[in-house]
Amino acid sequence: MKDQMHTGHNQIIGKWGEDCAFEFLESKGFKVLARNVRTPEGEIDLIALDHDIVVFVEVKTRSHHNAGYPEEAVTEEKMEHMIDSAESWLLKHPEHEANWRLDVIAVTGAINSQNPQIEWFENAV
């Protein structure tokens, strides 16, 4: 039962973090094309356009730093999945294949906090 509660909390804070990242990108002038895109290689949290560059975004969220910083959860294996997922999406959207990058957005704060801490790692992979 405790694992189910933990998973539920992680899903709630993860969704909140993605919402924060979505708003952050839009405030920077990005056009978000899609959220939570599933590919055979994994899920892409956000896909956005930065002018003519497609940006694949991995969002990591923590309510505090007790378990480490959110960006520390982006392991080498996760980076490989991000690349494979992006390439899979690009095969279906060849109009974007020339210009793309992978970013990581780390969000820390209490759920529904008005001032989450957001760290943006452009071209992270």
PDB file of N, CA and C in Angstrom:
ATOM      1  N   MET A   1       0.825  -1.191   0.000  1.00  0.00           N
ATOM      2  CA  MET A   1       0.000   0.000   0.000  1.00  0.00           C
ATOM      3  C   MET A   1       0.874   1.262   0.000  1.00  0.00           C
ATOM      4  N   LYS A   2       1.969   1.226   0.765  1.00  0.00           N
ATOM      5  CA  LYS A   2       2.849   2.383   0.819  1.00  0.00           C
ATOM      6  C   LYS A   2       3.442   2.687  -0.559  1.00  0.00           C
ATOM      7  N   ASP A   3       3.817   1.623  -1.328  1.00  0.00           N
ATOM      8  CA  ASP A   3       4.357   1.818  -2.674  1.00  0.00           C
ATOM      9  C   ASP A   3       3.343   2.491  -3.586  1.00  0.00           C
ATOM     10  N   GLN A   4       2.065   2.113  -3.468  1.00  0.00           N
ATOM     11  CA  GLN A   4       1.022   2.738  -4.279  1.00  0.00           C
ATOM     12  C   GLN A   4       0.885   4.211  -3.928  1.00  0.00           C
ATOM     13  N   MET A   5       0.960   4.553  -2.645  1.00  0.00           N
ATOM     14  CA  MET A   5       0.861   5.950  -2.229  1.00  0.00           C
ATOM     15  C   MET A   5       2.058   6.726  -2.767  1.00  0.00           C
ATOM     16  N   HIS A   6       3.262   6.124  -2.697  1.00  0.00           N
ATOM     17  CA  HIS A   6       4.477   6.770  -3.182  1.00  0.00           C
ATOM     18  C   HIS A   6       4.384   7.012  -4.684  1.00  0.00           C
ATOM     19  N   THR A   7       3.902   5.986  -5.422  1.00  0.00           N
ATOM     20  CA  THR A   7       3.747   6.122  -6.867  1.00  0.00           C
ATOM     21  C   THR A   7       2.750   7.219  -7.194  1.00  0.00           C
ATOM     22  N   GLY A   8       1.632   7.268  -6.473  1.00  0.00           N
ATOM     23  CA  GLY A   8       0.633   8.305  -6.700  1.00  0.00           C
ATOM     24  C   GLY A   8       1.201   9.690  -6.471  1.00  0.00           C
ATOM     25  N   HIS A   9       1.980   9.859  -5.402  1.00  0.00           N
ATOM     26  CA  HIS A   9       2.608  11.152  -5.104  1.00  0.00           C
ATOM     27  C   HIS A   9       3.593  11.518  -6.210  1.00  0.00           C
ATOM     28  N   ASN A  10       4.397  10.548  -6.653  1.00  0.00           N
ATOM     29  CA  ASN A  10       5.364  10.809  -7.722  1.00  0.00           C
ATOM     30  C   ASN A  10       4.663  11.235  -9.010  1.00  0.00           C
ATOM     31  N   GLN A  11       3.530  10.606  -9.332  1.00  0.00           N
ATOM     32  CA  GLN A  11       2.784  10.976 -10.531  1.00  0.00           C
ATOM     33  C   GLN A  11       2.222  12.388 -10.412  1.00  0.00           C
ATOM     34  N   ILE A  12       1.730  12.733  -9.232  1.00  0.00           N
ATOM     35  CA  ILE A  12       1.163  14.070  -9.018  1.00  0.00           C
ATOM     36  C   ILE A  12       2.252  15.132  -9.132  1.00  0.00           C
ATOM     37  N   ILE A  13       3.372  14.915  -8.455  1.00  0.00           N
ATOM     38  CA  ILE A  13       4.452  15.912  -8.511  1.00  0.00           C
ATOM     39  C   ILE A  13       5.069  15.950  -9.907  1.00  0.00           C
ATOM     40  N   GLY A  14       5.140  14.805 -10.591  1.00  0.00           N
ATOM     41  CA  GLY A  14       5.655  14.780 -11.956  1.00  0.00           C
ATOM     42  C   GLY A  14       4.772  15.573 -12.904  1.00  0.00           C
ATOM     43  N   LYS A  15       3.462  15.426 -12.776  1.00  0.00           N
ATOM     44  CA  LYS A  15       2.518  16.188 -13.615  1.00  0.00           C
ATOM     45  C   LYS A  15       2.643  17.675 -13.328  1.00  0.00           C
ATOM     46  N   TRP A  16       2.744  18.032 -12.048  1.00  0.00           N
ATOM     47  CA  TRP A  16       2.908  19.443 -11.676  1.00  0.00           C
ATOM     48  C   TRP A  16       4.204  19.999 -12.278  1.00  0.00           C
ATOM     49  N   GLY A  17       5.286  19.239 -12.194  1.00  0.00           N
ATOM     50  CA  GLY A  17       6.556  19.675 -12.759  1.00  0.00           C
ATOM     51  C   GLY A  17       6.464  19.880 -14.266  1.00  0.00           C
ATOM     52  N   GLU A  18       5.767  18.966 -14.952  1.00  0.00           N
ATOM     53  CA  GLU A  18       5.585  19.126 -16.400  1.00  0.00           C
ATOM     54  C   GLU A  18       4.765  20.369 -16.715  1.00  0.00           C
ATOM     55  N   ASP A  19       3.752  20.640 -15.897  1.00  0.00           N
ATOM     56  CA  ASP A  19       2.960  21.865 -16.083  1.00  0.00           C
ATOM     57  C   ASP A  19       3.849  23.100 -15.916  1.00  0.00           C
ATOM     58  N   CYS A  20       4.716  23.088 -14.903  1.00  0.00           N
ATOM     59  CA  CYS A  20       5.638  24.209 -14.678  1.00  0.00           C
ATOM     60  C   CYS A  20       6.579  24.381 -15.868  1.00  0.00           C
ATOM     61  N   ALA A  21       7.115  23.267 -16.361  1.00  0.00           N
ATOM     62  CA  ALA A  21       8.035  23.309 -17.505  1.00  0.00           C
ATOM     63  C   ALA A  21       7.322  23.822 -18.751  1.00  0.00           C
ATOM     64  N   PHE A  22       6.086  23.389 -18.955  1.00  0.00           N
ATOM     65  CA  PHE A  22       5.272  23.842 -20.085  1.00  0.00           C
ATOM     66  C   PHE A  22       5.125  25.366 -20.035  1.00  0.00           C
ATOM     67  N   GLU A  23       4.716  25.882 -18.877  1.00  0.00           N
ATOM     68  CA  GLU A  23       4.541  27.335 -18.714  1.00  0.00           C
ATOM     69  C   GLU A  23       5.869  28.072 -18.880  1.00  0.00           C
ATOM     70  N   PHE A  24       6.953  27.495 -18.370  1.00  0.00           N
ATOM     71  CA  PHE A  24       8.277  28.091 -18.491  1.00  0.00           C
ATOM     72  C   PHE A  24       8.666  28.228 -19.964  1.00  0.00           C
ATOM     73  N   LEU A  25       8.493  27.149 -20.732  1.00  0.00           N
ATOM     74  CA  LEU A  25       8.853  27.188 -22.150  1.00  0.00           C
ATOM     75  C   LEU A  25       8.007  28.208 -22.903  1.00  0.00           C
ATOM     76  N   GLU A  26       6.711  28.228 -22.624  1.00  0.00           N
ATOM     77  CA  GLU A  26       5.856  29.198 -23.298  1.00  0.00           C
ATOM     78  C   GLU A  26       6.269  30.634 -22.955  1.00  0.00           C
ATOM     79  N   SER A  27       6.695  30.860 -21.708  1.00  0.00           N
ATOM     80  CA  SER A  27       7.124  32.208 -21.305  1.00  0.00           C
ATOM     81  C   SER A  27       8.402  32.623 -22.034  1.00  0.00           C
ATOM     82  N   LYS A  28       9.160  31.636 -22.527  1.00  0.00           N
ATOM     83  CA  LYS A  28      10.389  31.905 -23.278  1.00  0.00           C
ATOM     84  C   LYS A  28      10.128  31.996 -24.784  1.00  0.00           C
ATOM     85  N   GLY A  29       8.855  31.905 -25.176  1.00  0.00           N
ATOM     86  CA  GLY A  29       8.500  32.034 -26.592  1.00  0.00           C
ATOM     87  C   GLY A  29       8.456  30.732 -27.364  1.00  0.00           C
ATOM     88  N   PHE A  30       8.583  29.606 -26.687  1.00  0.00           N
ATOM     89  CA  PHE A  30       8.492  28.313 -27.358  1.00  0.00           C
ATOM     90  C   PHE A  30       7.029  28.004 -27.664  1.00  0.00           C
ATOM     91  N   LYS A  31       6.808  27.219 -28.711  1.00  0.00           N
ATOM     92  CA  LYS A  31       5.480  26.701 -29.015  1.00  0.00           C
ATOM     93  C   LYS A  31       5.499  25.214 -28.684  1.00  0.00           C
ATOM     94  N   VAL A  32       4.754  24.807 -27.674  1.00  0.00           N
ATOM     95  CA  VAL A  32       4.732  23.393 -27.288  1.00  0.00           C
ATOM     96  C   VAL A  32       3.855  22.633 -28.283  1.00  0.00           C
ATOM     97  N   LEU A  33       4.458  21.642 -28.929  1.00  0.00           N
ATOM     98  CA  LEU A  33       3.760  20.844 -29.934  1.00  0.00           C
ATOM     99  C   LEU A  33       3.024  19.659 -29.333  1.00  0.00           C
ATOM    100  N   ALA A  34       3.607  19.048 -28.292  1.00  0.00           N
ATOM    101  CA  ALA A  34       3.010  17.838 -27.724  1.00  0.00           C
ATOM    102  C   ALA A  34       3.535  17.588 -26.318  1.00  0.00           C
ATOM    103  N   ARG A  35       2.737  16.834 -25.556  1.00  0.00           N
ATOM    104  CA  ARG A  35       3.119  16.418 -24.203  1.00  0.00           C
ATOM    105  C   ARG A  35       2.966  14.910 -24.093  1.00  0.00           C
ATOM    106  N   ASN A  36       3.840  14.313 -23.315  1.00  0.00           N
ATOM    107  CA  ASN A  36       3.763  12.884 -23.004  1.00  0.00           C
ATOM    108  C   ASN A  36       3.591  12.017 -24.250  1.00  0.00           C
ATOM    109  N   VAL A  37       4.524  12.164 -25.169  1.00  0.00           N
ATOM    110  CA  VAL A  37       4.488  11.421 -26.424  1.00  0.00           C
ATOM    111  C   VAL A  37       5.153  10.064 -26.207  1.00  0.00           C
ATOM    112  N   ARG A  38       4.418   9.012 -26.525  1.00  0.00           N
ATOM    113  CA  ARG A  38       4.960   7.658 -26.389  1.00  0.00           C
ATOM    114  C   ARG A  38       5.548   7.206 -27.726  1.00  0.00           C
ATOM    115  N   THR A  39       6.758   6.662 -27.642  1.00  0.00           N
ATOM    116  CA  THR A  39       7.405   6.063 -28.805  1.00  0.00           C
ATOM    117  C   THR A  39       7.786   4.643 -28.395  1.00  0.00           C
ATOM    118  N   PRO A  40       8.176   3.802 -29.333  1.00  0.00           N
ATOM    119  CA  PRO A  40       8.613   2.448 -28.961  1.00  0.00           C
ATOM    120  C   PRO A  40       9.817   2.467 -28.005  1.00  0.00           C
ATOM    121  N   GLU A  41      10.579   3.540 -28.006  1.00  0.00           N
ATOM    122  CA  GLU A  41      11.789   3.631 -27.181  1.00  0.00           C
ATOM    123  C   GLU A  41      11.552   4.292 -25.834  1.00  0.00           C
ATOM    124  N   GLY A  42      10.391   4.898 -25.630  1.00  0.00           N
ATOM    125  CA  GLY A  42      10.105   5.559 -24.365  1.00  0.00           C
ATOM    126  C   GLY A  42       9.213   6.770 -24.555  1.00  0.00           C
ATOM    127  N   GLU A  43       9.011   7.496 -23.470  1.00  0.00           N
ATOM    128  CA  GLU A  43       8.130   8.665 -23.498  1.00  0.00           C
ATOM    129  C   GLU A  43       8.942   9.946 -23.555  1.00  0.00           C
ATOM    130  N   ILE A  44       8.440  10.905 -24.319  1.00  0.00           N
ATOM    131  CA  ILE A  44       9.018  12.237 -24.377  1.00  0.00           C
ATOM    132  C   ILE A  44       8.064  13.149 -23.616  1.00  0.00           C
ATOM    133  N   ASP A  45       8.573  13.833 -22.586  1.00  0.00           N
ATOM    134  CA  ASP A  45       7.703  14.661 -21.752  1.00  0.00           C
ATOM    135  C   ASP A  45       7.099  15.827 -22.528  1.00  0.00           C
ATOM    136  N   LEU A  46       7.944  16.602 -23.195  1.00  0.00           N
ATOM    137  CA  LEU A  46       7.473  17.756 -23.965  1.00  0.00           C
ATOM    138  C   LEU A  46       8.238  17.833 -25.283  1.00  0.00           C
ATOM    139  N   ILE A  47       7.523  18.218 -26.330  1.00  0.00           N
ATOM    140  CA  ILE A  47       8.156  18.524 -27.610  1.00  0.00           C
ATOM    141  C   ILE A  47       7.735  19.950 -27.947  1.00  0.00           C
ATOM    142  N   ALA A  48       8.722  20.801 -28.185  1.00  0.00           N
ATOM    143  CA  ALA A  48       8.425  22.210 -28.426  1.00  0.00           C
ATOM    144  C   ALA A  48       9.239  22.739 -29.596  1.00  0.00           C
ATOM    145  N   LEU A  49       8.792  23.866 -30.139  1.00  0.00           N
ATOM    146  CA  LEU A  49       9.524  24.552 -31.197  1.00  0.00           C
ATOM    147  C   LEU A  49      10.152  25.811 -30.631  1.00  0.00           C
ATOM    148  N   ASP A  50      11.444  25.952 -30.847  1.00  0.00           N
ATOM    149  CA  ASP A  50      12.187  27.168 -30.518  1.00  0.00           C
ATOM    150  C   ASP A  50      12.598  27.746 -31.865  1.00  0.00           C
ATOM    151  N   HIS A  51      11.758  28.620 -32.391  1.00  0.00           N
ATOM    152  CA  HIS A  51      11.878  29.116 -33.766  1.00  0.00           C
ATOM    153  C   HIS A  51      11.773  27.917 -34.703  1.00  0.00           C
ATOM    154  N   ASP A  52      12.845  27.514 -35.378  1.00  0.00           N
ATOM    155  CA  ASP A  52      12.766  26.371 -36.296  1.00  0.00           C
ATOM    156  C   ASP A  52      13.450  25.123 -35.734  1.00  0.00           C
ATOM    157  N   ILE A  53      13.762  25.142 -34.447  1.00  0.00           N
ATOM    158  CA  ILE A  53      14.421  23.995 -33.804  1.00  0.00           C
ATOM    159  C   ILE A  53      13.411  23.217 -32.973  1.00  0.00           C
ATOM    160  N   VAL A  54      13.343  21.910 -33.213  1.00  0.00           N
ATOM    161  CA  VAL A  54      12.491  21.058 -32.385  1.00  0.00           C
ATOM    162  C   VAL A  54      13.269  20.710 -31.130  1.00  0.00           C
ATOM    163  N   VAL A  55      12.647  20.930 -29.971  1.00  0.00           N
ATOM    164  CA  VAL A  55      13.295  20.681 -28.687  1.00  0.00           C
ATOM    165  C   VAL A  55      12.539  19.559 -27.975  1.00  0.00           C
ATOM    166  N   PHE A  56      13.255  18.482 -27.695  1.00  0.00           N
ATOM    167  CA  PHE A  56      12.701  17.359 -26.936  1.00  0.00           C
ATOM    168  C   PHE A  56      13.118  17.588 -25.489  1.00  0.00           C
ATOM    169  N   VAL A  57      12.142  17.615 -24.597  1.00  0.00           N
ATOM    170  CA  VAL A  57      12.413  18.006 -23.210  1.00  0.00           C
ATOM    171  C   VAL A  57      12.091  16.872 -22.248  1.00  0.00           C
ATOM    172  N   GLU A  58      13.068  16.545 -21.432  1.00  0.00           N
ATOM    173  CA  GLU A  58      12.875  15.627 -20.302  1.00  0.00           C
ATOM    174  C   GLU A  58      12.687  16.503 -19.067  1.00  0.00           C
ATOM    175  N   VAL A  59      11.597  16.279 -18.338  1.00  0.00           N
ATOM    176  CA  VAL A  59      11.309  17.050 -17.136  1.00  0.00           C
ATOM    177  C   VAL A  59      11.509  16.148 -15.925  1.00  0.00           C
ATOM    178  N   LYS A  60      12.293  16.613 -14.971  1.00  0.00           N
ATOM    179  CA  LYS A  60      12.491  15.899 -13.716  1.00  0.00           C
ATOM    180  C   LYS A  60      12.080  16.824 -12.585  1.00  0.00           C
ATOM    181  N   THR A  61      11.313  16.295 -11.643  1.00  0.00           N
ATOM    182  CA  THR A  61      10.749  17.108 -10.572  1.00  0.00           C
ATOM    183  C   THR A  61      11.011  16.482  -9.215  1.00  0.00           C
ATOM    184  N   ARG A  62      11.312  17.321  -8.248  1.00  0.00           N
ATOM    185  CA  ARG A  62      11.467  16.901  -6.852  1.00  0.00           C
ATOM    186  C   ARG A  62      10.779  17.943  -5.974  1.00  0.00           C
ATOM    187  N   SER A  63      10.232  17.484  -4.860  1.00  0.00           N
ATOM    188  CA  SER A  63       9.617  18.435  -3.931  1.00  0.00           C
ATOM    189  C   SER A  63      10.668  19.075  -3.029  1.00  0.00           C
ATOM    190  N   HIS A  64      11.832  18.426  -2.924  1.00  0.00           N
ATOM    191  CA  HIS A  64      12.952  18.957  -2.121  1.00  0.00           C
ATOM    192  C   HIS A  64      14.235  18.276  -2.607  1.00  0.00           C
ATOM    193  N   HIS A  65      15.347  18.706  -2.082  1.00  0.00           N
ATOM    194  CA  HIS A  65      16.638  18.157  -2.521  1.00  0.00           C
ATOM    195  C   HIS A  65      17.142  17.021  -1.631  1.00  0.00           C
ATOM    196  N   ASN A  66      16.330  16.518  -0.710  1.00  0.00           N
ATOM    197  CA  ASN A  66      16.768  15.445   0.191  1.00  0.00           C
ATOM    198  C   ASN A  66      17.237  14.200  -0.576  1.00  0.00           C
ATOM    199  N   ALA A  67      16.587  13.911  -1.697  1.00  0.00           N
ATOM    200  CA  ALA A  67      16.951  12.734  -2.495  1.00  0.00           C
ATOM    201  C   ALA A  67      17.843  13.128  -3.668  1.00  0.00           C
ATOM    202  N   GLY A  68      18.407  14.317  -3.614  1.00  0.00           N
ATOM    203  CA  GLY A  68      19.266  14.788  -4.695  1.00  0.00           C
ATOM    204  C   GLY A  68      18.541  15.770  -5.594  1.00  0.00           C
ATOM    205  N   TYR A  69      19.282  16.329  -6.513  1.00  0.00           N
ATOM    206  CA  TYR A  69      18.713  17.294  -7.450  1.00  0.00           C
ATOM    207  C   TYR A  69      18.002  16.549  -8.575  1.00  0.00           C
ATOM    208  N   PRO A  70      16.917  17.121  -9.098  1.00  0.00           N
ATOM    209  CA  PRO A  70      16.147  16.406 -10.126  1.00  0.00           C
ATOM    210  C   PRO A  70      16.980  16.006 -11.342  1.00  0.00           C
ATOM    211  N   GLU A  71      17.868  16.888 -11.774  1.00  0.00           N
ATOM    212  CA  GLU A  71      18.654  16.599 -12.983  1.00  0.00           C
ATOM    213  C   GLU A  71      19.585  15.401 -12.794  1.00  0.00           C
ATOM    214  N   GLU A  72      19.886  15.048 -11.541  1.00  0.00           N
ATOM    215  CA  GLU A  72      20.734  13.887 -11.279  1.00  0.00           C
ATOM    216  C   GLU A  72      20.045  12.576 -11.660  1.00  0.00           C
ATOM    217  N   ALA A  73      18.722  12.630 -11.839  1.00  0.00           N
ATOM    218  CA  ALA A  73      17.969  11.432 -12.223  1.00  0.00           C
ATOM    219  C   ALA A  73      18.064  11.144 -13.721  1.00  0.00           C
ATOM    220  N   VAL A  74      18.688  12.040 -14.476  1.00  0.00           N
ATOM    221  CA  VAL A  74      18.864  11.811 -15.912  1.00  0.00           C
ATOM    222  C   VAL A  74      20.184  11.062 -16.091  1.00  0.00           C
ATOM    223  N   THR A  75      20.061   9.751 -16.087  1.00  0.00           N
ATOM    224  CA  THR A  75      21.222   8.865 -16.182  1.00  0.00           C
ATOM    225  C   THR A  75      21.666   8.714 -17.641  1.00  0.00           C
ATOM    226  N   GLU A  76      22.808   8.084 -17.814  1.00  0.00           N
ATOM    227  CA  GLU A  76      23.296   7.788 -19.169  1.00  0.00           C
ATOM    228  C   GLU A  76      22.271   6.956 -19.934  1.00  0.00           C
ATOM    229  N   GLU A  77      21.687   5.968 -19.256  1.00  0.00           N
ATOM    230  CA  GLU A  77      20.666   5.126 -19.888  1.00  0.00           C
ATOM    231  C   GLU A  77      19.459   5.962 -20.303  1.00  0.00           C
ATOM    232  N   LYS A  78      19.032   6.890 -19.433  1.00  0.00           N
ATOM    233  CA  LYS A  78      17.902   7.762 -19.751  1.00  0.00           C
ATOM    234  C   LYS A  78      18.234   8.637 -20.956  1.00  0.00           C
ATOM    235  N   MET A  79      19.454   9.136 -21.018  1.00  0.00           N
ATOM    236  CA  MET A  79      19.873   9.960 -22.160  1.00  0.00           C
ATOM    237  C   MET A  79      19.796   9.167 -23.465  1.00  0.00           C
ATOM    238  N   GLU A  80      20.208   7.913 -23.428  1.00  0.00           N
ATOM    239  CA  GLU A  80      20.132   7.063 -24.617  1.00  0.00           C
ATOM    240  C   GLU A  80      18.682   6.874 -25.048  1.00  0.00           C
ATOM    241  N   HIS A  81      17.782   6.668 -24.080  1.00  0.00           N
ATOM    242  CA  HIS A  81      16.358   6.537 -24.389  1.00  0.00           C
ATOM    243  C   HIS A  81      15.809   7.836 -24.978  1.00  0.00           C
ATOM    244  N   MET A  82      16.276   8.976 -24.460  1.00  0.00           N
ATOM    245  CA  MET A  82      15.828  10.271 -24.987  1.00  0.00           C
ATOM    246  C   MET A  82      16.226  10.405 -26.454  1.00  0.00           C
ATOM    247  N   ILE A  83      17.465  10.058 -26.771  1.00  0.00           N
ATOM    248  CA  ILE A  83      17.943  10.149 -28.155  1.00  0.00           C
ATOM    249  C   ILE A  83      17.138   9.208 -29.045  1.00  0.00           C
ATOM    250  N   ASP A  84      16.969   7.957 -28.600  1.00  0.00           N
ATOM    251  CA  ASP A  84      16.222   6.978 -29.394  1.00  0.00           C
ATOM    252  C   ASP A  84      14.768   7.414 -29.591  1.00  0.00           C
ATOM    253  N   SER A  85      14.156   7.966 -28.541  1.00  0.00           N
ATOM    254  CA  SER A  85      12.769   8.420 -28.632  1.00  0.00           C
ATOM    255  C   SER A  85      12.649   9.600 -29.594  1.00  0.00           C
ATOM    256  N   ALA A  86      13.595  10.540 -29.512  1.00  0.00           N
ATOM    257  CA  ALA A  86      13.586  11.694 -30.408  1.00  0.00           C
ATOM    258  C   ALA A  86      13.742  11.236 -31.859  1.00  0.00           C
ATOM    259  N   GLU A  87      14.680  10.337 -32.103  1.00  0.00           N
ATOM    260  CA  GLU A  87      14.894   9.849 -33.464  1.00  0.00           C
ATOM    261  C   GLU A  87      13.665   9.114 -33.989  1.00  0.00           C
ATOM    262  N   SER A  88      12.990   8.370 -33.122  1.00  0.00           N
ATOM    263  CA  SER A  88      11.763   7.672 -33.513  1.00  0.00           C
ATOM    264  C   SER A  88      10.682   8.681 -33.906  1.00  0.00           C
ATOM    265  N   TRP A  89      10.526   9.742 -33.122  1.00  0.00           N
ATOM    266  CA  TRP A  89       9.526  10.782 -33.425  1.00  0.00           C
ATOM    267  C   TRP A  89       9.888  11.479 -34.736  1.00  0.00           C
ATOM    268  N   LEU A  90      11.160  11.766 -34.929  1.00  0.00           N
ATOM    269  CA  LEU A  90      11.602  12.472 -36.133  1.00  0.00           C
ATOM    270  C   LEU A  90      11.356  11.655 -37.405  1.00  0.00           C
ATOM    271  N   LEU A  91      11.414  10.326 -37.304  1.00  0.00           N
ATOM    272  CA  LEU A  91      11.113   9.484 -38.465  1.00  0.00           C
ATOM    273  C   LEU A  91       9.684   9.704 -38.955  1.00  0.00           C
ATOM    274  N   LYS A  92       8.790  10.006 -38.028  1.00  0.00           N
ATOM    275  CA  LYS A  92       7.384  10.255 -38.375  1.00  0.00           C
ATOM    276  C   LYS A  92       7.131  11.720 -38.719  1.00  0.00           C
ATOM    277  N   HIS A  93       8.100  12.572 -38.442  1.00  0.00           N
ATOM    278  CA  HIS A  93       7.967  14.016 -38.700  1.00  0.00           C
ATOM    279  C   HIS A  93       9.229  14.514 -39.405  1.00  0.00           C
ATOM    280  N   PRO A  94       9.481  14.025 -40.635  1.00  0.00           N
ATOM    281  CA  PRO A  94      10.731  14.354 -41.327  1.00  0.00           C
ATOM    282  C   PRO A  94      10.916  15.851 -41.598  1.00  0.00           C
ATOM    283  N   GLU A  95       9.856  16.617 -41.548  1.00  0.00           N
ATOM    284  CA  GLU A  95       9.984  18.057 -41.776  1.00  0.00           C
ATOM    285  C   GLU A  95      10.828  18.742 -40.702  1.00  0.00           C
ATOM    286  N   HIS A  96      11.042  18.071 -39.575  1.00  0.00           N
ATOM    287  CA  HIS A  96      11.806  18.654 -38.470  1.00  0.00           C
ATOM    288  C   HIS A  96      13.183  18.030 -38.270  1.00  0.00           C
ATOM    289  N   GLU A  97      13.564  17.057 -39.094  1.00  0.00           N
ATOM    290  CA  GLU A  97      14.748  16.270 -38.793  1.00  0.00           C
ATOM    291  C   GLU A  97      16.066  17.040 -38.837  1.00  0.00           C
ATOM    292  N   ALA A  98      16.114  18.168 -39.535  1.00  0.00           N
ATOM    293  CA  ALA A  98      17.389  18.879 -39.686  1.00  0.00           C
ATOM    294  C   ALA A  98      17.802  19.635 -38.426  1.00  0.00           C
ATOM    295  N   ASN A  99      16.853  20.162 -37.695  1.00  0.00           N
ATOM    296  CA  ASN A  99      17.159  21.031 -36.555  1.00  0.00           C
ATOM    297  C   ASN A  99      16.453  20.545 -35.292  1.00  0.00           C
ATOM    298  N   TRP A 100      17.219  19.914 -34.401  1.00  0.00           N
ATOM    299  CA  TRP A 100      16.622  19.474 -33.139  1.00  0.00           C
ATOM    300  C   TRP A 100      17.680  19.374 -32.059  1.00  0.00           C
ATOM    301  N   ARG A 101      17.196  19.365 -30.806  1.00  0.00           N
ATOM    302  CA  ARG A 101      18.098  19.206 -29.662  1.00  0.00           C
ATOM    303  C   ARG A 101      17.316  18.600 -28.502  1.00  0.00           C
ATOM    304  N   LEU A 102      18.069  18.179 -27.487  1.00  0.00           N
ATOM    305  CA  LEU A 102      17.479  17.593 -26.283  1.00  0.00           C
ATOM    306  C   LEU A 102      17.803  18.482 -25.086  1.00  0.00           C
ATOM    307  N   ASP A 103      16.778  18.880 -24.353  1.00  0.00           N
ATOM    308  CA  ASP A 103      16.934  19.703 -23.157  1.00  0.00           C
ATOM    309  C   ASP A 103      16.415  18.944 -21.942  1.00  0.00           C
ATOM    310  N   VAL A 104      16.885  19.354 -20.769  1.00  0.00           N
ATOM    311  CA  VAL A 104      16.365  18.849 -19.505  1.00  0.00           C
ATOM    312  C   VAL A 104      15.903  20.053 -18.701  1.00  0.00           C
ATOM    313  N   ILE A 105      14.713  19.947 -18.129  1.00  0.00           N
ATOM    314  CA  ILE A 105      14.220  20.975 -17.212  1.00  0.00           C
ATOM    315  C   ILE A 105      14.013  20.306 -15.859  1.00  0.00           C
ATOM    316  N   ALA A 106      14.698  20.845 -14.849  1.00  0.00           N
ATOM    317  CA  ALA A 106      14.597  20.334 -13.478  1.00  0.00           C
ATOM    318  C   ALA A 106      13.742  21.305 -12.666  1.00  0.00           C
ATOM    319  N   VAL A 107      12.721  20.766 -12.015  1.00  0.00           N
ATOM    320  CA  VAL A 107      11.794  21.584 -11.228  1.00  0.00           C
ATOM    321  C   VAL A 107      11.847  21.110  -9.782  1.00  0.00           C
ATOM    322  N   THR A 108      12.005  22.061  -8.862  1.00  0.00           N
ATOM    323  CA  THR A 108      11.999  21.737  -7.435  1.00  0.00           C
ATOM    324  C   THR A 108      11.026  22.673  -6.729  1.00  0.00           C
ATOM    325  N   GLY A 109      10.181  22.098  -5.878  1.00  0.00           N
ATOM    326  CA  GLY A 109       9.266  22.918  -5.091  1.00  0.00           C
ATOM    327  C   GLY A 109       8.084  22.107  -4.614  1.00  0.00           C
ATOM    328  N   ALA A 110       7.313  22.727  -3.737  1.00  0.00           N
ATOM    329  CA  ALA A 110       6.098  22.097  -3.240  1.00  0.00           C
ATOM    330  C   ALA A 110       5.049  22.133  -4.346  1.00  0.00           C
ATOM    331  N   ILE A 111       4.235  21.095  -4.408  1.00  0.00           N
ATOM    332  CA  ILE A 111       3.182  21.038  -5.425  1.00  0.00           C
ATOM    333  C   ILE A 111       2.338  22.297  -5.344  1.00  0.00           C
ATOM    334  N   ASN A 112       2.076  22.868  -6.505  1.00  0.00           N
ATOM    335  CA  ASN A 112       1.294  24.099  -6.663  1.00  0.00           C
ATOM    336  C   ASN A 112       1.976  25.322  -6.081  1.00  0.00           C
ATOM    337  N   SER A 113       3.260  25.230  -5.813  1.00  0.00           N
ATOM    338  CA  SER A 113       4.018  26.391  -5.368  1.00  0.00           C
ATOM    339  C   SER A 113       3.967  27.456  -6.451  1.00  0.00           C
ATOM    340  N   GLN A 114       3.857  28.693  -6.038  1.00  0.00           N
ATOM    341  CA  GLN A 114       3.840  29.797  -7.000  1.00  0.00           C
ATOM    342  C   GLN A 114       5.240  30.114  -7.509  1.00  0.00           C
ATOM    343  N   ASN A 115       6.260  29.679  -6.796  1.00  0.00           N
ATOM    344  CA  ASN A 115       7.642  29.992  -7.169  1.00  0.00           C
ATOM    345  C   ASN A 115       8.529  28.755  -7.178  1.00  0.00           C
ATOM    346  N   PRO A 116       8.272  27.812  -8.085  1.00  0.00           N
ATOM    347  CA  PRO A 116       9.156  26.641  -8.135  1.00  0.00           C
ATOM    348  C   PRO A 116      10.531  27.062  -8.633  1.00  0.00           C
ATOM    349  N   GLN A 117      11.542  26.318  -8.222  1.00  0.00           N
ATOM    350  CA  GLN A 117      12.891  26.539  -8.730  1.00  0.00           C
ATOM    351  C   GLN A 117      13.011  25.746 -10.031  1.00  0.00           C
ATOM    352  N   ILE A 118      13.363  26.441 -11.113  1.00  0.00           N
ATOM    353  CA  ILE A 118      13.473  25.796 -12.417  1.00  0.00           C
ATOM    354  C   ILE A 118      14.888  25.973 -12.942  1.00  0.00           C
ATOM    355  N   GLU A 119      15.515  24.846 -13.260  1.00  0.00           N
ATOM    356  CA  GLU A 119      16.843  24.850 -13.873  1.00  0.00           C
ATOM    357  C   GLU A 119      16.679  24.295 -15.281  1.00  0.00           C
ATOM    358  N   TRP A 120      17.184  25.025 -16.262  1.00  0.00           N
ATOM    359  CA  TRP A 120      17.030  24.641 -17.670  1.00  0.00           C
ATOM    360  C   TRP A 120      18.395  24.289 -18.231  1.00  0.00           C
ATOM    361  N   PHE A 121      18.521  23.073 -18.706  1.00  0.00           N
ATOM    362  CA  PHE A 121      19.773  22.583 -19.290  1.00  0.00           C
ATOM    363  C   PHE A 121      19.539  22.421 -20.788  1.00  0.00           C
ATOM    364  N   GLU A 122      19.963  23.435 -21.553  1.00  0.00           N
ATOM    365  CA  GLU A 122      19.810  23.394 -23.008  1.00  0.00           C
ATOM    366  C   GLU A 122      20.858  22.465 -23.609  1.00  0.00           C
ATOM    367  N   ASN A 123      20.433  21.735 -24.647  1.00  0.00           N
ATOM    368  CA  ASN A 123      21.361  20.846 -25.343  1.00  0.00           C
ATOM    369  C   ASN A 123      22.065  19.911 -24.361  1.00  0.00           C
ATOM    370  N   ALA A 124      21.286  19.322 -23.468  1.00  0.00           N
ATOM    371  CA  ALA A 124      21.826  18.540 -22.355  1.00  0.00           C
ATOM    372  C   ALA A 124      22.432  17.210 -22.792  1.00  0.00           C
ATOM    373  N   VAL A 125      22.018  16.713 -23.916  1.00  0.00           N
ATOM    374  CA  VAL A 125      22.496  15.392 -24.345  1.00  0.00           C
ATOM    375  C   VAL A 125      23.296  15.533 -25.619  1.00  0.00           C
TER     376      VAL A 125
END
